[in-house]
């Protein structure tokens, strides 16, 4: 499995999301330095999981922002 480097832009993110991206970055760094292929893959798998969690948090935040505005639109339409 080929690993593509990613840029981690953490400006303006919540602390939880920022921490997930930092941990993913650390896993990627450790994978790159690891000589044992199994351990390298473990670090890459952990990196992928941290990135998935960060994106899940981001998605949840977007939904949370959308839901209140949508609820107020629905309430206004029924009035």
C-alpha atoms as a PDB file:
ATOM      1  CA  UNK A   1       0.000   0.000   0.000  1.00  0.00           C
ATOM      2  CA  UNK A   2       1.514   3.290  -1.078  1.00  0.00           C
ATOM      3  CA  UNK A   3       1.285   6.144   1.423  1.00  0.00           C
ATOM      4  CA  UNK A   4       0.637   9.639   0.091  1.00  0.00           C
ATOM      5  CA  UNK A   5       1.862  12.544   2.165  1.00  0.00           C
ATOM      6  CA  UNK A   6      -0.786  15.001   3.275  1.00  0.00           C
ATOM      7  CA  UNK A   7      -0.593  18.555   4.488  1.00  0.00           C
ATOM      8  CA  UNK A   8      -2.258  19.001   7.862  1.00  0.00           C
ATOM      9  CA  UNK A   9      -3.829  22.443   8.071  1.00  0.00           C
ATOM     10  CA  UNK A  10      -5.063  22.785  11.646  1.00  0.00           C
ATOM     11  CA  UNK A  11      -5.804  26.511  11.800  1.00  0.00           C
ATOM     12  CA  UNK A  12      -9.235  27.264  13.200  1.00  0.00           C
ATOM     13  CA  UNK A  13     -10.149  23.685  14.096  1.00  0.00           C
ATOM     14  CA  UNK A  14     -11.550  22.526  17.388  1.00  0.00           C
ATOM     15  CA  UNK A  15      -9.096  21.057  19.869  1.00  0.00           C
ATOM     16  CA  UNK A  16     -10.368  17.500  19.282  1.00  0.00           C
ATOM     17  CA  UNK A  17      -9.956  17.757  15.526  1.00  0.00           C
ATOM     18  CA  UNK A  18      -6.561  19.411  15.871  1.00  0.00           C
ATOM     19  CA  UNK A  19      -5.398  16.625  18.181  1.00  0.00           C
ATOM     20  CA  UNK A  20      -6.555  13.924  15.735  1.00  0.00           C
ATOM     21  CA  UNK A  21      -4.605  15.543  12.910  1.00  0.00           C
ATOM     22  CA  UNK A  22      -1.511  15.918  15.110  1.00  0.00           C
ATOM     23  CA  UNK A  23      -1.678  12.253  16.118  1.00  0.00           C
ATOM     24  CA  UNK A  24      -2.118  11.230  12.480  1.00  0.00           C
ATOM     25  CA  UNK A  25       0.915  13.307  11.553  1.00  0.00           C
ATOM     26  CA  UNK A  26       2.945  11.633  14.296  1.00  0.00           C
ATOM     27  CA  UNK A  27       1.886   8.180  13.080  1.00  0.00           C
ATOM     28  CA  UNK A  28       2.933   9.073   9.532  1.00  0.00           C
ATOM     29  CA  UNK A  29       6.306  10.287  10.793  1.00  0.00           C
ATOM     30  CA  UNK A  30       6.847   7.101  12.776  1.00  0.00           C
ATOM     31  CA  UNK A  31       5.794   4.931   9.832  1.00  0.00           C
ATOM     32  CA  UNK A  32       8.323   6.649   7.609  1.00  0.00           C
ATOM     33  CA  UNK A  33      11.089   5.992  10.157  1.00  0.00           C
ATOM     34  CA  UNK A  34      10.091   2.374  10.844  1.00  0.00           C
ATOM     35  CA  UNK A  35      12.199  -0.395   9.284  1.00  0.00           C
ATOM     36  CA  UNK A  36       9.880  -3.282  10.202  1.00  0.00           C
ATOM     37  CA  UNK A  37       7.203  -3.554   7.477  1.00  0.00           C
ATOM     38  CA  UNK A  38       4.547  -4.833   9.890  1.00  0.00           C
ATOM     39  CA  UNK A  39       5.126  -2.003  12.349  1.00  0.00           C
ATOM     40  CA  UNK A  40       5.223   0.492   9.479  1.00  0.00           C
ATOM     41  CA  UNK A  41       1.820  -0.770   8.323  1.00  0.00           C
ATOM     42  CA  UNK A  42       0.486  -0.549  11.886  1.00  0.00           C
ATOM     43  CA  UNK A  43       1.485   3.118  12.045  1.00  0.00           C
ATOM     44  CA  UNK A  44      -0.081   3.782   8.637  1.00  0.00           C
ATOM     45  CA  UNK A  45      -3.285   2.081   9.801  1.00  0.00           C
ATOM     46  CA  UNK A  46      -3.318   4.228  12.940  1.00  0.00           C
ATOM     47  CA  UNK A  47      -2.743   7.330  10.831  1.00  0.00           C
ATOM     48  CA  UNK A  48      -5.735   6.387   8.657  1.00  0.00           C
ATOM     49  CA  UNK A  49      -7.918   5.873  11.741  1.00  0.00           C
ATOM     50  CA  UNK A  50      -6.941   9.238  13.252  1.00  0.00           C
ATOM     51  CA  UNK A  51      -7.728  10.933   9.937  1.00  0.00           C
ATOM     52  CA  UNK A  52     -11.087   9.158   9.774  1.00  0.00           C
ATOM     53  CA  UNK A  53     -11.923  10.321  13.310  1.00  0.00           C
ATOM     54  CA  UNK A  54     -10.921  13.903  12.510  1.00  0.00           C
ATOM     55  CA  UNK A  55     -13.106  13.893   9.402  1.00  0.00           C
ATOM     56  CA  UNK A  56     -15.968  12.396  11.405  1.00  0.00           C
ATOM     57  CA  UNK A  57     -15.673  15.236  13.929  1.00  0.00           C
ATOM     58  CA  UNK A  58     -15.623  17.766  11.079  1.00  0.00           C
ATOM     59  CA  UNK A  59     -18.705  16.206   9.484  1.00  0.00           C
ATOM     60  CA  UNK A  60     -20.533  16.226  12.820  1.00  0.00           C
ATOM     61  CA  UNK A  61     -19.710  19.918  13.257  1.00  0.00           C
ATOM     62  CA  UNK A  62     -21.026  20.721   9.776  1.00  0.00           C
ATOM     63  CA  UNK A  63     -24.248  18.800  10.434  1.00  0.00           C
ATOM     64  CA  UNK A  64     -24.620  20.576  13.774  1.00  0.00           C
ATOM     65  CA  UNK A  65     -24.319  23.942  12.053  1.00  0.00           C
ATOM     66  CA  UNK A  66     -26.790  22.967   9.336  1.00  0.00           C
ATOM     67  CA  UNK A  67     -29.417  21.389  11.612  1.00  0.00           C
ATOM     68  CA  UNK A  68     -30.272  24.505  13.689  1.00  0.00           C
ATOM     69  CA  UNK A  69     -30.587  26.712  10.607  1.00  0.00           C
ATOM     70  CA  UNK A  70     -32.706  24.071   8.877  1.00  0.00           C
ATOM     71  CA  UNK A  71     -34.925  23.708  11.951  1.00  0.00           C
ATOM     72  CA  UNK A  72     -35.553  27.470  12.043  1.00  0.00           C
ATOM     73  CA  UNK A  73     -36.390  27.457   8.318  1.00  0.00           C
ATOM     74  CA  UNK A  74     -38.889  24.636   8.831  1.00  0.00           C
ATOM     75  CA  UNK A  75     -40.455  26.437  11.796  1.00  0.00           C
ATOM     76  CA  UNK A  76     -40.768  29.649   9.761  1.00  0.00           C
ATOM     77  CA  UNK A  77     -42.426  27.824   6.881  1.00  0.00           C
ATOM     78  CA  UNK A  78     -45.069  26.336   9.169  1.00  0.00           C
ATOM     79  CA  UNK A  79     -45.961  29.633  10.836  1.00  0.00           C
END
